[in-house]
Amino acid sequence: MAYFGDPMFYQRHVRQALADLYPPPEECHKIGTTSSEIKAQLEEIKAQRRAAKQAKMEQSSGQGA
């Protein structure tokens, strides 16, 4: 019979599993909280996508020639 309500069970099993499952907060992506921060992050994502698309187009045009 298993008992899951004991604080020692939580400390021994659950806390260790959570530490392995989730990264520490300082390693997580930080989402902006203000409108300007969100817009800046969105522009950064768009720039990365544009650069990746441009590199892909250059690579495909170089192979086709």
N, C-alpha and C. Protein backbone atom coordinates (compact mmCIF):
# COMPACT_ATOMS: atom_id res chain seq x y z
N MET A 1 0.85 -1.18 0.00
CA MET A 1 0.00 0.00 0.00
C MET A 1 0.89 1.24 0.00
N ALA A 2 0.61 2.16 -0.87
CA ALA A 2 1.41 3.37 -1.00
C ALA A 2 0.70 4.54 -0.33
N TYR A 3 1.47 5.37 0.31
CA TYR A 3 0.91 6.55 0.96
C TYR A 3 1.59 7.77 0.35
N PHE A 4 0.80 8.67 -0.24
CA PHE A 4 1.35 9.81 -0.96
C PHE A 4 1.20 11.13 -0.23
N GLY A 5 0.69 11.15 0.98
CA GLY A 5 0.43 12.40 1.65
C GLY A 5 1.52 12.82 2.62
N ASP A 6 2.50 11.99 2.83
CA ASP A 6 3.55 12.27 3.79
C ASP A 6 4.53 13.32 3.25
N PRO A 7 4.89 14.34 4.04
CA PRO A 7 5.85 15.33 3.57
C PRO A 7 7.21 14.73 3.20
N MET A 8 7.61 13.67 3.88
CA MET A 8 8.88 13.02 3.55
C MET A 8 8.81 12.36 2.17
N PHE A 9 7.65 11.80 1.82
CA PHE A 9 7.47 11.22 0.48
C PHE A 9 7.64 12.31 -0.56
N TYR A 10 7.05 13.46 -0.31
CA TYR A 10 7.16 14.58 -1.25
C TYR A 10 8.61 15.01 -1.42
N GLN A 11 9.32 15.16 -0.30
CA GLN A 11 10.71 15.60 -0.37
C GLN A 11 11.60 14.57 -1.05
N ARG A 12 11.38 13.29 -0.77
CA ARG A 12 12.22 12.24 -1.33
C ARG A 12 11.97 11.99 -2.81
N HIS A 13 10.72 12.02 -3.22
CA HIS A 13 10.39 11.57 -4.57
C HIS A 13 9.93 12.69 -5.50
N VAL A 14 8.99 13.49 -5.06
CA VAL A 14 8.38 14.48 -5.94
C VAL A 14 9.33 15.63 -6.22
N ARG A 15 9.96 16.17 -5.21
CA ARG A 15 10.86 17.31 -5.41
C ARG A 15 12.02 16.97 -6.34
N GLN A 16 12.58 15.80 -6.20
CA GLN A 16 13.68 15.39 -7.07
C GLN A 16 13.20 15.22 -8.50
N ALA A 17 12.01 14.67 -8.67
CA ALA A 17 11.46 14.49 -10.02
C ALA A 17 11.18 15.84 -10.66
N LEU A 18 10.66 16.79 -9.90
CA LEU A 18 10.39 18.12 -10.44
C LEU A 18 11.67 18.82 -10.84
N ALA A 19 12.72 18.65 -10.07
CA ALA A 19 14.00 19.28 -10.40
C ALA A 19 14.55 18.72 -11.70
N ASP A 20 14.34 17.43 -11.95
CA ASP A 20 14.81 16.83 -13.20
C ASP A 20 13.91 17.19 -14.37
N LEU A 21 12.64 17.42 -14.10
CA LEU A 21 11.66 17.66 -15.16
C LEU A 21 11.68 19.10 -15.67
N TYR A 22 11.76 20.06 -14.76
CA TYR A 22 11.69 21.47 -15.13
C TYR A 22 13.06 22.13 -14.99
N PRO A 23 13.45 22.99 -15.94
CA PRO A 23 14.72 23.71 -15.80
C PRO A 23 14.59 24.80 -14.73
N PRO A 24 15.71 25.25 -14.20
CA PRO A 24 15.66 26.34 -13.22
C PRO A 24 15.11 27.61 -13.88
N PRO A 25 14.50 28.49 -13.10
CA PRO A 25 13.89 29.70 -13.67
C PRO A 25 14.87 30.58 -14.45
N GLU A 26 16.13 30.61 -14.05
CA GLU A 26 17.08 31.46 -14.76
C GLU A 26 17.43 30.92 -16.15
N GLU A 27 17.13 29.65 -16.42
CA GLU A 27 17.38 29.07 -17.74
C GLU A 27 16.14 29.11 -18.64
N CYS A 28 15.02 29.56 -18.11
CA CYS A 28 13.78 29.60 -18.89
C CYS A 28 13.70 30.88 -19.71
N HIS A 29 12.90 30.83 -20.75
CA HIS A 29 12.67 32.00 -21.59
C HIS A 29 11.84 33.02 -20.82
N LYS A 30 12.26 34.25 -20.84
CA LYS A 30 11.53 35.31 -20.16
C LYS A 30 10.61 36.02 -21.14
N ILE A 31 9.35 36.05 -20.84
CA ILE A 31 8.36 36.71 -21.68
C ILE A 31 8.22 38.15 -21.21
N GLY A 32 8.16 39.07 -22.14
CA GLY A 32 8.02 40.47 -21.80
C GLY A 32 6.72 40.76 -21.07
N THR A 33 6.74 41.74 -20.21
CA THR A 33 5.54 42.08 -19.44
C THR A 33 4.90 43.37 -19.92
N THR A 34 5.66 44.20 -20.61
CA THR A 34 5.09 45.44 -21.12
C THR A 34 4.91 45.32 -22.63
N SER A 35 4.11 46.21 -23.16
CA SER A 35 3.83 46.19 -24.59
C SER A 35 5.10 46.40 -25.41
N SER A 36 5.96 47.29 -24.96
CA SER A 36 7.19 47.57 -25.71
C SER A 36 8.14 46.37 -25.69
N GLU A 37 8.21 45.65 -24.56
CA GLU A 37 9.06 44.46 -24.49
C GLU A 37 8.55 43.37 -25.41
N ILE A 38 7.24 43.19 -25.45
CA ILE A 38 6.64 42.17 -26.31
C ILE A 38 6.87 42.52 -27.78
N LYS A 39 6.70 43.78 -28.14
CA LYS A 39 6.93 44.20 -29.52
C LYS A 39 8.39 44.01 -29.91
N ALA A 40 9.31 44.29 -29.01
CA ALA A 40 10.74 44.11 -29.30
C ALA A 40 11.06 42.63 -29.51
N GLN A 41 10.48 41.76 -28.67
CA GLN A 41 10.70 40.33 -28.84
C GLN A 41 10.11 39.84 -30.15
N LEU A 42 8.94 40.34 -30.51
CA LEU A 42 8.30 39.96 -31.76
C LEU A 42 9.15 40.38 -32.96
N GLU A 43 9.70 41.58 -32.92
CA GLU A 43 10.57 42.04 -34.00
C GLU A 43 11.83 41.18 -34.10
N GLU A 44 12.36 40.76 -32.96
CA GLU A 44 13.54 39.90 -32.95
C GLU A 44 13.23 38.55 -33.59
N ILE A 45 12.08 37.98 -33.27
CA ILE A 45 11.66 36.70 -33.86
C ILE A 45 11.47 36.85 -35.36
N LYS A 46 10.84 37.94 -35.78
CA LYS A 46 10.63 38.18 -37.21
C LYS A 46 11.96 38.32 -37.94
N ALA A 47 12.92 39.01 -37.33
CA ALA A 47 14.23 39.19 -37.95
C ALA A 47 14.95 37.84 -38.09
N GLN A 48 14.84 37.00 -37.07
CA GLN A 48 15.45 35.67 -37.15
C GLN A 48 14.82 34.85 -38.26
N ARG A 49 13.51 34.91 -38.38
CA ARG A 49 12.82 34.17 -39.44
C ARG A 49 13.21 34.69 -40.82
N ARG A 50 13.30 36.02 -40.96
CA ARG A 50 13.71 36.60 -42.24
C ARG A 50 15.12 36.14 -42.62
N ALA A 51 16.01 36.15 -41.64
CA ALA A 51 17.40 35.73 -41.90
C ALA A 51 17.46 34.26 -42.29
N ALA A 52 16.68 33.42 -41.62
CA ALA A 52 16.66 32.00 -41.95
C ALA A 52 16.08 31.77 -43.35
N LYS A 53 15.03 32.51 -43.68
CA LYS A 53 14.41 32.38 -45.00
C LYS A 53 15.38 32.85 -46.08
N GLN A 54 16.07 33.96 -45.83
CA GLN A 54 17.04 34.48 -46.78
C GLN A 54 18.18 33.48 -46.99
N ALA A 55 18.68 32.89 -45.91
CA ALA A 55 19.76 31.91 -46.03
C ALA A 55 19.29 30.69 -46.81
N LYS A 56 18.07 30.27 -46.57
CA LYS A 56 17.52 29.11 -47.29
C LYS A 56 17.38 29.42 -48.78
N MET A 57 16.93 30.63 -49.11
CA MET A 57 16.78 31.02 -50.51
C MET A 57 18.14 31.11 -51.20
N GLU A 58 19.14 31.65 -50.50
CA GLU A 58 20.48 31.75 -51.07
C GLU A 58 21.07 30.36 -51.30
N GLN A 59 20.82 29.46 -50.37
CA GLN A 59 21.33 28.10 -50.49
C GLN A 59 20.67 27.38 -51.67
N SER A 60 19.36 27.54 -51.81
CA SER A 60 18.66 26.86 -52.90
C SER A 60 19.01 27.48 -54.26
N SER A 61 19.24 28.78 -54.31
CA SER A 61 19.62 29.41 -55.59
C SER A 61 21.05 29.04 -55.96
N GLY A 62 21.90 28.80 -54.99
CA GLY A 62 23.28 28.39 -55.26
C GLY A 62 23.35 26.96 -55.76
N GLN A 63 22.45 26.11 -55.31
CA GLN A 63 22.44 24.72 -55.74
C GLN A 63 21.82 24.58 -57.12
N GLY A 64 20.88 25.44 -57.46
CA GLY A 64 20.18 25.34 -58.74
C GLY A 64 21.01 25.82 -59.91
N ALA A 65 22.06 26.57 -59.66
CA ALA A 65 22.86 27.15 -60.75
C ALA A 65 23.89 26.21 -61.28
